[in-house]
Amino acid sequence: MAVNYRERIIALWTVFLLGTLFHTQLNLIPLFHGLPVVESQPARNINDISGIMWLMLGFFVLPMLAIIISAFNDSKRYRIIHFGLTVFYSIMNLLHVVLDLFVQPLLWYQIALMVFLFFVGLLLNITAFKWMRLHNRANKSQHNLESLHS
């Protein structure tokens, strides 16, 4: 039975996004930046944090785009870009875990969640790497078959 790396990647990105959503809903990211919860902000201060909110939006949108593109695109170029994206997110997750250790009050369930998401990210890295290499092997096999028929 052939492994469907695309399905695995979509499932892993979905788990990552759900975990990240839970994490942000508990307001740790705004707290990490020394900001109160957005809902408690007076309207005049919302613009002060809009840059961070745009970055958070981007952090969510890239995996959502990866899910969509992975479902429809199987090109070698995309697989390489996607693998790079997964590595970037793993580095960001590791930094997030380390920096969360300095947030006061220290909420261990949040640390546990981020460690879990870091390991989901590593699994995503491995899966994306295998998906990327599978394509290369398939191209080599196809090229070898074409050479034999020539």
C-alpha atoms as a PDB file:
ATOM      1  CA  MET A   1       0.000   0.000   0.000  1.00  0.00           C
ATOM      2  CA  ALA A   2       1.413   3.357  -1.057  1.00  0.00           C
ATOM      3  CA  VAL A   3       1.893   6.063   1.551  1.00  0.00           C
ATOM      4  CA  ASN A   4      -0.145   9.179   0.875  1.00  0.00           C
ATOM      5  CA  TYR A   5       2.169  11.916   2.102  1.00  0.00           C
ATOM      6  CA  ARG A   6      -0.204  14.653   1.003  1.00  0.00           C
ATOM      7  CA  GLU A   7      -2.946  13.369   3.329  1.00  0.00           C
ATOM      8  CA  ARG A   8      -0.488  13.074   6.193  1.00  0.00           C
ATOM      9  CA  ILE A   9       0.816  16.609   5.600  1.00  0.00           C
ATOM     10  CA  ILE A  10      -2.699  18.060   5.527  1.00  0.00           C
ATOM     11  CA  ALA A  11      -3.583  16.217   8.745  1.00  0.00           C
ATOM     12  CA  LEU A  12      -0.408  17.382  10.503  1.00  0.00           C
ATOM     13  CA  TRP A  13      -0.874  21.025   9.442  1.00  0.00           C
ATOM     14  CA  THR A  14      -4.468  20.822  10.694  1.00  0.00           C
ATOM     15  CA  VAL A  15      -3.349  19.503  14.099  1.00  0.00           C
ATOM     16  CA  PHE A  16      -0.717  22.240  14.250  1.00  0.00           C
ATOM     17  CA  LEU A  17      -3.261  24.962  13.485  1.00  0.00           C
ATOM     18  CA  LEU A  18      -5.774  23.629  16.015  1.00  0.00           C
ATOM     19  CA  GLY A  19      -3.094  23.545  18.698  1.00  0.00           C
ATOM     20  CA  THR A  20      -1.908  27.020  17.807  1.00  0.00           C
ATOM     21  CA  LEU A  21      -5.469  28.292  17.901  1.00  0.00           C
ATOM     22  CA  PHE A  22      -5.923  26.842  21.381  1.00  0.00           C
ATOM     23  CA  HIS A  23      -2.638  28.430  22.452  1.00  0.00           C
ATOM     24  CA  THR A  24      -3.533  31.891  21.165  1.00  0.00           C
ATOM     25  CA  GLN A  25      -7.067  31.708  22.477  1.00  0.00           C
ATOM     26  CA  LEU A  26      -5.566  31.407  25.937  1.00  0.00           C
ATOM     27  CA  ASN A  27      -3.842  34.723  25.251  1.00  0.00           C
ATOM     28  CA  LEU A  28      -0.259  33.620  25.740  1.00  0.00           C
ATOM     29  CA  ILE A  29       1.015  35.291  22.573  1.00  0.00           C
ATOM     30  CA  PRO A  30      -0.313  38.751  23.536  1.00  0.00           C
ATOM     31  CA  LEU A  31       1.019  38.212  27.075  1.00  0.00           C
ATOM     32  CA  PHE A  32       4.403  37.232  25.647  1.00  0.00           C
ATOM     33  CA  HIS A  33       4.522  40.572  23.857  1.00  0.00           C
ATOM     34  CA  GLY A  34       3.627  42.405  27.056  1.00  0.00           C
ATOM     35  CA  LEU A  35       0.165  43.236  25.774  1.00  0.00           C
ATOM     36  CA  PRO A  36      -3.199  42.815  27.434  1.00  0.00           C
ATOM     37  CA  VAL A  37      -5.864  40.755  25.717  1.00  0.00           C
ATOM     38  CA  VAL A  38      -7.150  42.503  22.567  1.00  0.00           C
ATOM     39  CA  GLU A  39     -10.762  42.525  23.761  1.00  0.00           C
ATOM     40  CA  SER A  40      -9.739  44.478  26.852  1.00  0.00           C
ATOM     41  CA  GLN A  41      -7.915  47.111  24.781  1.00  0.00           C
ATOM     42  CA  PRO A  42      -9.498  50.519  24.460  1.00  0.00           C
ATOM     43  CA  ALA A  43     -10.225  51.335  20.805  1.00  0.00           C
ATOM     44  CA  ARG A  44      -7.455  53.947  20.725  1.00  0.00           C
ATOM     45  CA  ASN A  45      -4.778  51.319  21.482  1.00  0.00           C
ATOM     46  CA  ILE A  46      -5.817  48.679  18.946  1.00  0.00           C
ATOM     47  CA  ASN A  47      -3.647  50.347  16.279  1.00  0.00           C
ATOM     48  CA  ASP A  48      -0.618  49.990  18.567  1.00  0.00           C
ATOM     49  CA  ILE A  49      -0.818  46.191  18.343  1.00  0.00           C
ATOM     50  CA  SER A  50      -2.015  45.867  14.756  1.00  0.00           C
ATOM     51  CA  GLY A  51       1.487  44.953  13.527  1.00  0.00           C
ATOM     52  CA  ILE A  52       1.649  41.971  15.847  1.00  0.00           C
ATOM     53  CA  MET A  53      -1.856  40.944  14.855  1.00  0.00           C
ATOM     54  CA  TRP A  54      -0.862  41.028  11.157  1.00  0.00           C
ATOM     55  CA  LEU A  55       2.144  38.818  11.967  1.00  0.00           C
ATOM     56  CA  MET A  56      -0.113  36.397  13.842  1.00  0.00           C
ATOM     57  CA  LEU A  57      -2.485  36.355  10.882  1.00  0.00           C
ATOM     58  CA  GLY A  58       0.418  35.546   8.568  1.00  0.00           C
ATOM     59  CA  PHE A  59       1.532  32.786  10.934  1.00  0.00           C
ATOM     60  CA  PHE A  60      -1.923  31.196  10.555  1.00  0.00           C
ATOM     61  CA  VAL A  61      -2.407  31.881   6.834  1.00  0.00           C
ATOM     62  CA  LEU A  62       0.807  30.217   5.623  1.00  0.00           C
ATOM     63  CA  PRO A  63      -0.142  26.754   6.969  1.00  0.00           C
ATOM     64  CA  MET A  64      -3.689  27.203   5.642  1.00  0.00           C
ATOM     65  CA  LEU A  65      -2.238  27.961   2.209  1.00  0.00           C
ATOM     66  CA  ALA A  66       0.069  24.948   2.568  1.00  0.00           C
ATOM     67  CA  ILE A  67      -2.972  22.742   3.216  1.00  0.00           C
ATOM     68  CA  ILE A  68      -4.775  24.049   0.139  1.00  0.00           C
ATOM     69  CA  ILE A  69      -1.757  23.939  -2.160  1.00  0.00           C
ATOM     70  CA  SER A  70      -0.722  20.481  -0.917  1.00  0.00           C
ATOM     71  CA  ALA A  71      -4.158  19.164  -1.820  1.00  0.00           C
ATOM     72  CA  PHE A  72      -3.862  20.433  -5.393  1.00  0.00           C
ATOM     73  CA  ASN A  73      -0.155  20.603  -6.221  1.00  0.00           C
ATOM     74  CA  ASP A  74       2.348  17.787  -6.517  1.00  0.00           C
ATOM     75  CA  SER A  75       5.210  19.596  -8.248  1.00  0.00           C
ATOM     76  CA  LYS A  76       8.828  19.150  -7.236  1.00  0.00           C
ATOM     77  CA  ARG A  77       9.285  22.908  -6.771  1.00  0.00           C
ATOM     78  CA  TYR A  78       6.321  23.094  -4.386  1.00  0.00           C
ATOM     79  CA  ARG A  79       7.552  20.100  -2.390  1.00  0.00           C
ATOM     80  CA  ILE A  80      10.916  21.795  -1.870  1.00  0.00           C
ATOM     81  CA  ILE A  81       9.293  25.101  -0.855  1.00  0.00           C
ATOM     82  CA  HIS A  82       6.895  23.246   1.426  1.00  0.00           C
ATOM     83  CA  PHE A  83       9.730  21.387   3.154  1.00  0.00           C
ATOM     84  CA  GLY A  84      11.481  24.727   3.752  1.00  0.00           C
ATOM     85  CA  LEU A  85       8.257  26.102   5.233  1.00  0.00           C
ATOM     86  CA  THR A  86       7.994  23.176   7.643  1.00  0.00           C
ATOM     87  CA  VAL A  87      11.600  23.692   8.773  1.00  0.00           C
ATOM     88  CA  PHE A  88      10.913  27.412   9.326  1.00  0.00           C
ATOM     89  CA  TYR A  89       7.878  26.585  11.481  1.00  0.00           C
ATOM     90  CA  SER A  90       9.859  24.044  13.514  1.00  0.00           C
ATOM     91  CA  ILE A  91      12.525  26.653  14.238  1.00  0.00           C
ATOM     92  CA  MET A  92       9.815  29.153  15.213  1.00  0.00           C
ATOM     93  CA  ASN A  93       8.147  26.554  17.463  1.00  0.00           C
ATOM     94  CA  LEU A  94      11.421  25.757  19.212  1.00  0.00           C
ATOM     95  CA  LEU A  95      12.060  29.466  19.804  1.00  0.00           C
ATOM     96  CA  HIS A  96       8.481  29.810  21.036  1.00  0.00           C
ATOM     97  CA  VAL A  97       8.931  27.006  23.580  1.00  0.00           C
ATOM     98  CA  VAL A  98      12.176  28.513  24.876  1.00  0.00           C
ATOM     99  CA  LEU A  99      10.775  32.052  25.084  1.00  0.00           C
ATOM    100  CA  ASP A 100       7.556  30.839  26.734  1.00  0.00           C
ATOM    101  CA  LEU A 101       9.683  29.632  29.633  1.00  0.00           C
ATOM    102  CA  PHE A 102      10.358  33.304  30.457  1.00  0.00           C
ATOM    103  CA  VAL A 103       6.705  34.396  30.427  1.00  0.00           C
ATOM    104  CA  GLN A 104       5.251  35.107  33.838  1.00  0.00           C
ATOM    105  CA  PRO A 105       3.142  33.558  35.134  1.00  0.00           C
ATOM    106  CA  LEU A 106       4.604  30.310  33.813  1.00  0.00           C
ATOM    107  CA  LEU A 107       1.716  28.122  32.653  1.00  0.00           C
ATOM    108  CA  TRP A 108       2.994  24.551  32.324  1.00  0.00           C
ATOM    109  CA  TYR A 109       0.001  23.335  30.336  1.00  0.00           C
ATOM    110  CA  GLN A 110       0.895  25.949  27.715  1.00  0.00           C
ATOM    111  CA  ILE A 111       4.514  24.774  27.712  1.00  0.00           C
ATOM    112  CA  ALA A 112       3.303  21.171  27.320  1.00  0.00           C
ATOM    113  CA  LEU A 113       1.111  22.232  24.387  1.00  0.00           C
ATOM    114  CA  MET A 114       3.983  24.034  22.669  1.00  0.00           C
ATOM    115  CA  VAL A 115       6.305  21.044  23.200  1.00  0.00           C
ATOM    116  CA  PHE A 116       3.608  18.820  21.668  1.00  0.00           C
ATOM    117  CA  LEU A 117       3.292  21.215  18.706  1.00  0.00           C
ATOM    118  CA  PHE A 118       7.080  21.209  18.320  1.00  0.00           C
ATOM    119  CA  PHE A 119       7.014  17.411  18.002  1.00  0.00           C
ATOM    120  CA  VAL A 120       4.086  17.602  15.555  1.00  0.00           C
ATOM    121  CA  GLY A 121       6.280  19.997  13.571  1.00  0.00           C
ATOM    122  CA  LEU A 122       9.183  17.530  13.589  1.00  0.00           C
ATOM    123  CA  LEU A 123       6.849  14.815  12.313  1.00  0.00           C
ATOM    124  CA  LEU A 124       5.710  17.269   9.653  1.00  0.00           C
ATOM    125  CA  ASN A 125       9.372  17.903   8.718  1.00  0.00           C
ATOM    126  CA  ILE A 126      10.031  14.179   8.335  1.00  0.00           C
ATOM    127  CA  THR A 127       6.858  13.633   6.304  1.00  0.00           C
ATOM    128  CA  ALA A 128       7.528  16.642   4.065  1.00  0.00           C
ATOM    129  CA  PHE A 129      11.112  15.462   3.534  1.00  0.00           C
ATOM    130  CA  LYS A 130       9.935  11.974   2.537  1.00  0.00           C
ATOM    131  CA  TRP A 131       7.320  13.511   0.216  1.00  0.00           C
ATOM    132  CA  MET A 132       9.981  15.712  -1.364  1.00  0.00           C
ATOM    133  CA  ARG A 133      12.378  12.767  -1.854  1.00  0.00           C
ATOM    134  CA  LEU A 134       9.618  10.476  -3.165  1.00  0.00           C
ATOM    135  CA  HIS A 135       9.096  12.863  -6.047  1.00  0.00           C
ATOM    136  CA  ASN A 136      12.806  12.831  -6.859  1.00  0.00           C
ATOM    137  CA  ARG A 137      12.912   9.039  -6.848  1.00  0.00           C
ATOM    138  CA  ALA A 138       9.812   8.906  -9.040  1.00  0.00           C
ATOM    139  CA  ASN A 139      11.432  11.254 -11.551  1.00  0.00           C
ATOM    140  CA  LYS A 140      14.629   9.157 -11.610  1.00  0.00           C
ATOM    141  CA  SER A 141      12.614   5.949 -12.088  1.00  0.00           C
ATOM    142  CA  GLN A 142      10.623   7.540 -14.908  1.00  0.00           C
ATOM    143  CA  HIS A 143      13.829   8.815 -16.522  1.00  0.00           C
ATOM    144  CA  ASN A 144      15.398   5.352 -16.250  1.00  0.00           C
ATOM    145  CA  LEU A 145      12.328   3.753 -17.850  1.00  0.00           C
ATOM    146  CA  GLU A 146      12.404   6.270 -20.688  1.00  0.00           C
ATOM    147  CA  SER A 147      16.109   5.583 -21.228  1.00  0.00           C
ATOM    148  CA  LEU A 148      15.450   1.851 -21.486  1.00  0.00           C
ATOM    149  CA  HIS A 149      12.720   2.356 -24.086  1.00  0.00           C
ATOM    150  CA  SER A 150      14.902   4.626 -26.250  1.00  0.00           C
END
